[in-house]
Amino acid sequence: MPVPSPSSEYIADSLVFRAALRREKLAARMALDEKTHAALSARIETHLAALLTPLPPRTLSFCAAVRGEFDVRPLACLLIERGWQAAMPIADAANAPMSFRTWTPSSAMDSDRYGIPIPSDGQAIVPDIVLLPLVAFDPQGFRLGYGGGYFDRTLAVLVPRPLTIGVGFELACVADIRPQAHDISLDAVVTEAGIVRHT
């Protein structure tokens, strides 16, 4: 059996590291009690609103909150009242880029292949700004998600590339997520601690 090259050893080690980090950070987020989660979420919403509300109306994509994530819907509703459009990503097929479907507070909802709520119908649209949930992230702006690679595949093919903003709790911050070749760094990260821009 051939000896693995250093690069393949590094990749394998990184995959193990990232899987363990994902489990650790998901457990930490899910362990937040309701009061703490609400307080941290209120601070995140304040920072995110400060970043977005000064902008002219755009199309904003966000994911329905699952597994203790920050819930973007109240802010999305406020932005819609100000003339914005909102959308949610749709994982139409495995190992493929996602599409985006318009969302409003009155949208009928369904669930995708992973049990994540999505609009059951709506117009296909390309967002100007994409909010990405954070399982973990590092100071270089690299993000660790749930491991499906959907956002990286999607951002790699969107032209023009939308503004990408990671949104999550500061507990997700680590020194280095060990990014892979396909990982795309974020333009900004918003947590309860504030806004960090990477462009």
Foldseek 3Di string as FASTA:
>chain_A
DDDDDPVVVLVVVLVVLLVVLLVVLLVVLLPDDPVRLVVFLVLLLVQVCVVPVVDQAWEEEEFADDSNWRGCVVVQQVSVVRPHWYWYWACPDAPAETWIFTDYPPFDWDAHPVRTIHGPHGDTDDGQEYEAEASAAEPLQWGRDPPRCHVLRHQVPDVPRHQYEYEGAPSRYDHDSPDDPSIDGHQWYTTSVHIDGND
